[in-house]
Amino acid sequence: MNRDLAARIKEKALAAVEELTSILDIVKGEIPAHEFEQVKKGVGLAIGSIEMHVNAQLYRQFPDLES
């Protein structure tokens, strides 16, 4: 993979994280607390997966993209 492709992937991954985070803003105060915690956990797991399986690999290959 070249750096330009890695940079494009990073931007898409960060956009995905932002979209996932926005789910919490939508449901906060609209659903019971126990349901919110379930949604929050799911969002957190999804973000963690993106970080571990996409971004971490990019950063290993192109450390300068981490900033």
PDB file of N, CA and C in Angstrom:
ATOM      1  N   MET A   1       0.857  -1.177   0.000  1.00  0.00           N
ATOM      2  CA  MET A   1       0.000   0.000   0.000  1.00  0.00           C
ATOM      3  C   MET A   1       0.901   1.237   0.000  1.00  0.00           C
ATOM      4  N   ASN A   2       0.516   2.229  -0.765  1.00  0.00           N
ATOM      5  CA  ASN A   2       1.300   3.464  -0.760  1.00  0.00           C
ATOM      6  C   ASN A   2       0.702   4.456   0.247  1.00  0.00           C
ATOM      7  N   ARG A   3       1.458   5.484   0.546  1.00  0.00           N
ATOM      8  CA  ARG A   3       1.055   6.439   1.574  1.00  0.00           C
ATOM      9  C   ARG A   3      -0.228   7.185   1.217  1.00  0.00           C
ATOM     10  N   ASP A   4      -0.394   7.545  -0.040  1.00  0.00           N
ATOM     11  CA  ASP A   4      -1.603   8.272  -0.442  1.00  0.00           C
ATOM     12  C   ASP A   4      -2.855   7.444  -0.195  1.00  0.00           C
ATOM     13  N   LEU A   5      -2.798   6.165  -0.532  1.00  0.00           N
ATOM     14  CA  LEU A   5      -3.933   5.285  -0.279  1.00  0.00           C
ATOM     15  C   LEU A   5      -4.178   5.157   1.218  1.00  0.00           C
ATOM     16  N   ALA A   6      -3.113   5.003   1.985  1.00  0.00           N
ATOM     17  CA  ALA A   6      -3.239   4.897   3.438  1.00  0.00           C
ATOM     18  C   ALA A   6      -3.881   6.151   4.025  1.00  0.00           C
ATOM     19  N   ALA A   7      -3.504   7.307   3.524  1.00  0.00           N
ATOM     20  CA  ALA A   7      -4.083   8.569   4.010  1.00  0.00           C
ATOM     21  C   ALA A   7      -5.580   8.635   3.694  1.00  0.00           C
ATOM     22  N   ARG A   8      -5.964   8.173   2.516  1.00  0.00           N
ATOM     23  CA  ARG A   8      -7.386   8.162   2.150  1.00  0.00           C
ATOM     24  C   ARG A   8      -8.171   7.207   3.044  1.00  0.00           C
ATOM     25  N   ILE A   9      -7.591   6.049   3.321  1.00  0.00           N
ATOM     26  CA  ILE A   9      -8.242   5.080   4.202  1.00  0.00           C
ATOM     27  C   ILE A   9      -8.389   5.656   5.601  1.00  0.00           C
ATOM     28  N   LYS A  10      -7.338   6.320   6.079  1.00  0.00           N
ATOM     29  CA  LYS A  10      -7.393   6.926   7.405  1.00  0.00           C
ATOM     30  C   LYS A  10      -8.542   7.928   7.494  1.00  0.00           C
ATOM     31  N   GLU A  11      -8.694   8.765   6.493  1.00  0.00           N
ATOM     32  CA  GLU A  11      -9.764   9.763   6.502  1.00  0.00           C
ATOM     33  C   GLU A  11     -11.132   9.106   6.537  1.00  0.00           C
ATOM     34  N   LYS A  12     -11.316   8.045   5.779  1.00  0.00           N
ATOM     35  CA  LYS A  12     -12.597   7.322   5.783  1.00  0.00           C
ATOM     36  C   LYS A  12     -12.841   6.666   7.130  1.00  0.00           C
ATOM     37  N   ALA A  13     -11.801   6.098   7.722  1.00  0.00           N
ATOM     38  CA  ALA A  13     -11.937   5.453   9.025  1.00  0.00           C
ATOM     39  C   ALA A  13     -12.300   6.484  10.097  1.00  0.00           C
ATOM     40  N   LEU A  14     -11.659   7.645  10.050  1.00  0.00           N
ATOM     41  CA  LEU A  14     -11.977   8.694  11.020  1.00  0.00           C
ATOM     42  C   LEU A  14     -13.401   9.212  10.823  1.00  0.00           C
ATOM     43  N   ALA A  15     -13.834   9.307   9.592  1.00  0.00           N
ATOM     44  CA  ALA A  15     -15.216   9.726   9.317  1.00  0.00           C
ATOM     45  C   ALA A  15     -16.197   8.691   9.862  1.00  0.00           C
ATOM     46  N   ALA A  16     -15.853   7.422   9.727  1.00  0.00           N
ATOM     47  CA  ALA A  16     -16.710   6.368  10.257  1.00  0.00           C
ATOM     48  C   ALA A  16     -16.815   6.460  11.778  1.00  0.00           C
ATOM     49  N   VAL A  17     -15.697   6.740  12.431  1.00  0.00           N
ATOM     50  CA  VAL A  17     -15.704   6.904  13.887  1.00  0.00           C
ATOM     51  C   VAL A  17     -16.587   8.086  14.282  1.00  0.00           C
ATOM     52  N   GLU A  18     -16.484   9.175  13.560  1.00  0.00           N
ATOM     53  CA  GLU A  18     -17.323  10.344  13.851  1.00  0.00           C
ATOM     54  C   GLU A  18     -18.801  10.017  13.672  1.00  0.00           C
ATOM     55  N   GLU A  19     -19.142   9.287  12.621  1.00  0.00           N
ATOM     56  CA  GLU A  19     -20.534   8.899  12.384  1.00  0.00           C
ATOM     57  C   GLU A  19     -21.038   7.990  13.503  1.00  0.00           C
ATOM     58  N   LEU A  20     -20.220   7.038  13.894  1.00  0.00           N
ATOM     59  CA  LEU A  20     -20.615   6.143  14.985  1.00  0.00           C
ATOM     60  C   LEU A  20     -20.835   6.929  16.273  1.00  0.00           C
ATOM     61  N   THR A  21     -19.945   7.859  16.561  1.00  0.00           N
ATOM     62  CA  THR A  21     -20.075   8.681  17.760  1.00  0.00           C
ATOM     63  C   THR A  21     -21.355   9.507  17.725  1.00  0.00           C
ATOM     64  N   SER A  22     -21.750   9.940  16.555  1.00  0.00           N
ATOM     65  CA  SER A  22     -22.965  10.759  16.442  1.00  0.00           C
ATOM     66  C   SER A  22     -24.225   9.978  16.810  1.00  0.00           C
ATOM     67  N   ILE A  23     -24.149   8.662  16.726  1.00  0.00           N
ATOM     68  CA  ILE A  23     -25.289   7.833  17.148  1.00  0.00           C
ATOM     69  C   ILE A  23     -25.622   8.117  18.605  1.00  0.00           C
ATOM     70  N   LEU A  24     -24.602   8.286  19.424  1.00  0.00           N
ATOM     71  CA  LEU A  24     -24.830   8.534  20.851  1.00  0.00           C
ATOM     72  C   LEU A  24     -25.560   9.849  21.070  1.00  0.00           C
ATOM     73  N   ASP A  25     -25.234  10.857  20.282  1.00  0.00           N
ATOM     74  CA  ASP A  25     -25.933  12.144  20.391  1.00  0.00           C
ATOM     75  C   ASP A  25     -27.410  11.993  20.029  1.00  0.00           C
ATOM     76  N   ILE A  26     -27.692  11.153  19.056  1.00  0.00           N
ATOM     77  CA  ILE A  26     -29.073  10.959  18.610  1.00  0.00           C
ATOM     78  C   ILE A  26     -29.914  10.269  19.675  1.00  0.00           C
ATOM     79  N   VAL A  27     -29.355   9.250  20.310  1.00  0.00           N
ATOM     80  CA  VAL A  27     -30.166   8.442  21.235  1.00  0.00           C
ATOM     81  C   VAL A  27     -30.124   8.931  22.677  1.00  0.00           C
ATOM     82  N   LYS A  28     -29.137   9.745  23.018  1.00  0.00           N
ATOM     83  CA  LYS A  28     -29.015  10.201  24.404  1.00  0.00           C
ATOM     84  C   LYS A  28     -30.270  10.975  24.816  1.00  0.00           C
ATOM     85  N   GLY A  29     -30.851  10.553  25.904  1.00  0.00           N
ATOM     86  CA  GLY A  29     -32.053  11.196  26.414  1.00  0.00           C
ATOM     87  C   GLY A  29     -33.332  10.724  25.735  1.00  0.00           C
ATOM     88  N   GLU A  30     -33.197   9.929  24.684  1.00  0.00           N
ATOM     89  CA  GLU A  30     -34.366   9.443  23.941  1.00  0.00           C
ATOM     90  C   GLU A  30     -34.734   8.007  24.283  1.00  0.00           C
ATOM     91  N   ILE A  31     -33.796   7.292  24.889  1.00  0.00           N
ATOM     92  CA  ILE A  31     -34.039   5.896  25.242  1.00  0.00           C
ATOM     93  C   ILE A  31     -33.662   5.693  26.707  1.00  0.00           C
ATOM     94  N   PRO A  32     -34.182   4.645  27.332  1.00  0.00           N
ATOM     95  CA  PRO A  32     -33.828   4.379  28.728  1.00  0.00           C
ATOM     96  C   PRO A  32     -32.317   4.197  28.907  1.00  0.00           C
ATOM     97  N   ALA A  33     -31.852   4.499  30.107  1.00  0.00           N
ATOM     98  CA  ALA A  33     -30.415   4.458  30.406  1.00  0.00           C
ATOM     99  C   ALA A  33     -29.794   3.101  30.088  1.00  0.00           C
ATOM    100  N   HIS A  34     -30.480   2.013  30.411  1.00  0.00           N
ATOM    101  CA  HIS A  34     -29.892   0.689  30.153  1.00  0.00           C
ATOM    102  C   HIS A  34     -29.763   0.430  28.650  1.00  0.00           C
ATOM    103  N   GLU A  35     -30.684   0.931  27.856  1.00  0.00           N
ATOM    104  CA  GLU A  35     -30.569   0.792  26.412  1.00  0.00           C
ATOM    105  C   GLU A  35     -29.438   1.678  25.879  1.00  0.00           C
ATOM    106  N   PHE A  36     -29.316   2.873  26.437  1.00  0.00           N
ATOM    107  CA  PHE A  36     -28.227   3.757  26.026  1.00  0.00           C
ATOM    108  C   PHE A  36     -26.880   3.098  26.283  1.00  0.00           C
ATOM    109  N   GLU A  37     -26.748   2.440  27.427  1.00  0.00           N
ATOM    110  CA  GLU A  37     -25.488   1.763  27.746  1.00  0.00           C
ATOM    111  C   GLU A  37     -25.195   0.649  26.748  1.00  0.00           C
ATOM    112  N   GLN A  38     -26.222  -0.043  26.298  1.00  0.00           N
ATOM    113  CA  GLN A  38     -26.026  -1.091  25.293  1.00  0.00           C
ATOM    114  C   GLN A  38     -25.574  -0.485  23.959  1.00  0.00           C
ATOM    115  N   VAL A  39     -26.208   0.602  23.571  1.00  0.00           N
ATOM    116  CA  VAL A  39     -25.818   1.277  22.329  1.00  0.00           C
ATOM    117  C   VAL A  39     -24.390   1.801  22.454  1.00  0.00           C
ATOM    118  N   LYS A  40     -24.090   2.405  23.596  1.00  0.00           N
ATOM    119  CA  LYS A  40     -22.753   2.952  23.824  1.00  0.00           C
ATOM    120  C   LYS A  40     -21.694   1.855  23.741  1.00  0.00           C
ATOM    121  N   LYS A  41     -22.008   0.702  24.299  1.00  0.00           N
ATOM    122  CA  LYS A  41     -21.064  -0.411  24.238  1.00  0.00           C
ATOM    123  C   LYS A  41     -20.855  -0.856  22.794  1.00  0.00           C
ATOM    124  N   GLY A  42     -21.938  -0.962  22.039  1.00  0.00           N
ATOM    125  CA  GLY A  42     -21.832  -1.361  20.638  1.00  0.00           C
ATOM    126  C   GLY A  42     -21.023  -0.365  19.820  1.00  0.00           C
ATOM    127  N   VAL A  43     -21.263   0.911  20.048  1.00  0.00           N
ATOM    128  CA  VAL A  43     -20.510   1.956  19.354  1.00  0.00           C
ATOM    129  C   VAL A  43     -19.031   1.863  19.732  1.00  0.00           C
ATOM    130  N   GLY A  44     -18.782   1.679  21.007  1.00  0.00           N
ATOM    131  CA  GLY A  44     -17.394   1.564  21.469  1.00  0.00           C
ATOM    132  C   GLY A  44     -16.668   0.369  20.862  1.00  0.00           C
ATOM    133  N   LEU A  45     -17.364  -0.749  20.772  1.00  0.00           N
ATOM    134  CA  LEU A  45     -16.758  -1.938  20.168  1.00  0.00           C
ATOM    135  C   LEU A  45     -16.466  -1.719  18.683  1.00  0.00           C
ATOM    136  N   ALA A  46     -17.389  -1.070  18.004  1.00  0.00           N
ATOM    137  CA  ALA A  46     -17.188  -0.788  16.576  1.00  0.00           C
ATOM    138  C   ALA A  46     -16.003   0.161  16.374  1.00  0.00           C
ATOM    139  N   ILE A  47     -15.933   1.202  17.191  1.00  0.00           N
ATOM    140  CA  ILE A  47     -14.816   2.144  17.090  1.00  0.00           C
ATOM    141  C   ILE A  47     -13.503   1.436  17.425  1.00  0.00           C
ATOM    142  N   GLY A  48     -13.516   0.622  18.452  1.00  0.00           N
ATOM    143  CA  GLY A  48     -12.315  -0.127  18.820  1.00  0.00           C
ATOM    144  C   GLY A  48     -11.839  -1.029  17.702  1.00  0.00           C
ATOM    145  N   SER A  49     -12.780  -1.644  17.010  1.00  0.00           N
ATOM    146  CA  SER A  49     -12.420  -2.512  15.893  1.00  0.00           C
ATOM    147  C   SER A  49     -11.776  -1.718  14.760  1.00  0.00           C
ATOM    148  N   ILE A  50     -12.321  -0.555  14.470  1.00  0.00           N
ATOM    149  CA  ILE A  50     -11.726   0.303  13.438  1.00  0.00           C
ATOM    150  C   ILE A  50     -10.312   0.708  13.855  1.00  0.00           C
ATOM    151  N   GLU A  51     -10.161   1.080  15.105  1.00  0.00           N
ATOM    152  CA  GLU A  51      -8.841   1.489  15.586  1.00  0.00           C
ATOM    153  C   GLU A  51      -7.834   0.349  15.512  1.00  0.00           C
ATOM    154  N   MET A  52      -8.251  -0.832  15.934  1.00  0.00           N
ATOM    155  CA  MET A  52      -7.323  -1.969  15.983  1.00  0.00           C
ATOM    156  C   MET A  52      -7.037  -2.563  14.612  1.00  0.00           C
ATOM    157  N   HIS A  53      -8.063  -2.688  13.787  1.00  0.00           N
ATOM    158  CA  HIS A  53      -7.921  -3.444  12.550  1.00  0.00           C
ATOM    159  C   HIS A  53      -7.662  -2.583  11.319  1.00  0.00           C
ATOM    160  N   VAL A  54      -7.873  -1.303  11.447  1.00  0.00           N
ATOM    161  CA  VAL A  54      -7.627  -0.420  10.304  1.00  0.00           C
ATOM    162  C   VAL A  54      -6.517   0.578  10.651  1.00  0.00           C
ATOM    163  N   ASN A  55      -6.802   1.462  11.595  1.00  0.00           N
ATOM    164  CA  ASN A  55      -5.857   2.539  11.888  1.00  0.00           C
ATOM    165  C   ASN A  55      -4.520   2.044  12.419  1.00  0.00           C
ATOM    166  N   ALA A  56      -4.529   1.090  13.332  1.00  0.00           N
ATOM    167  CA  ALA A  56      -3.264   0.625  13.907  1.00  0.00           C
ATOM    168  C   ALA A  56      -2.343   0.067  12.825  1.00  0.00           C
ATOM    169  N   GLN A  57      -2.920  -0.631  11.865  1.00  0.00           N
ATOM    170  CA  GLN A  57      -2.096  -1.168  10.784  1.00  0.00           C
ATOM    171  C   GLN A  57      -1.528  -0.049   9.910  1.00  0.00           C
ATOM    172  N   LEU A  58      -2.358   0.951   9.644  1.00  0.00           N
ATOM    173  CA  LEU A  58      -1.873   2.094   8.861  1.00  0.00           C
ATOM    174  C   LEU A  58      -0.733   2.800   9.578  1.00  0.00           C
ATOM    175  N   TYR A  59      -0.899   2.994  10.884  1.00  0.00           N
ATOM    176  CA  TYR A  59       0.100   3.726  11.659  1.00  0.00           C
ATOM    177  C   TYR A  59       1.404   2.949  11.790  1.00  0.00           C
ATOM    178  N   ARG A  60       1.312   1.634  11.806  1.00  0.00           N
ATOM    179  CA  ARG A  60       2.551   0.832  11.830  1.00  0.00           C
ATOM    180  C   ARG A  60       3.341   1.033  10.540  1.00  0.00           C
ATOM    181  N   GLN A  61       2.629   1.055   9.437  1.00  0.00           N
ATOM    182  CA  GLN A  61       3.292   1.194   8.149  1.00  0.00           C
ATOM    183  C   GLN A  61       3.683   2.645   7.856  1.00  0.00           C
ATOM    184  N   PHE A  62       2.839   3.584   8.303  1.00  0.00           N
ATOM    185  CA  PHE A  62       3.071   5.010   8.047  1.00  0.00           C
ATOM    186  C   PHE A  62       2.891   5.783   9.358  1.00  0.00           C
ATOM    187  N   PRO A  63       3.878   5.750  10.252  1.00  0.00           N
ATOM    188  CA  PRO A  63       3.749   6.379  11.562  1.00  0.00           C
ATOM    189  C   PRO A  63       3.387   7.872  11.507  1.00  0.00           C
ATOM    190  N   ASP A  64       3.775   8.546  10.453  1.00  0.00           N
ATOM    191  CA  ASP A  64       3.491   9.974  10.352  1.00  0.00           C
ATOM    192  C   ASP A  64       2.000  10.246  10.185  1.00  0.00           C
ATOM    193  N   LEU A  65       1.197   9.280   9.807  1.00  0.00           N
ATOM    194  CA  LEU A  65      -0.247   9.477   9.661  1.00  0.00           C
ATOM    195  C   LEU A  65      -0.963   9.542  11.006  1.00  0.00           C
ATOM    196  N   GLU A  66      -0.284   9.111  12.052  1.00  0.00           N
ATOM    197  CA  GLU A  66      -0.935   9.055  13.366  1.00  0.00           C
ATOM    198  C   GLU A  66      -1.226  10.425  13.945  1.00  0.00           C
ATOM    199  N   SER A  67      -0.530  11.439  13.505  1.00  0.00           N
ATOM    200  CA  SER A  67      -0.722  12.774  14.076  1.00  0.00           C
ATOM    201  C   SER A  67      -2.013  13.418  13.604  1.00  0.00           C
TER     202      SER A  67
END
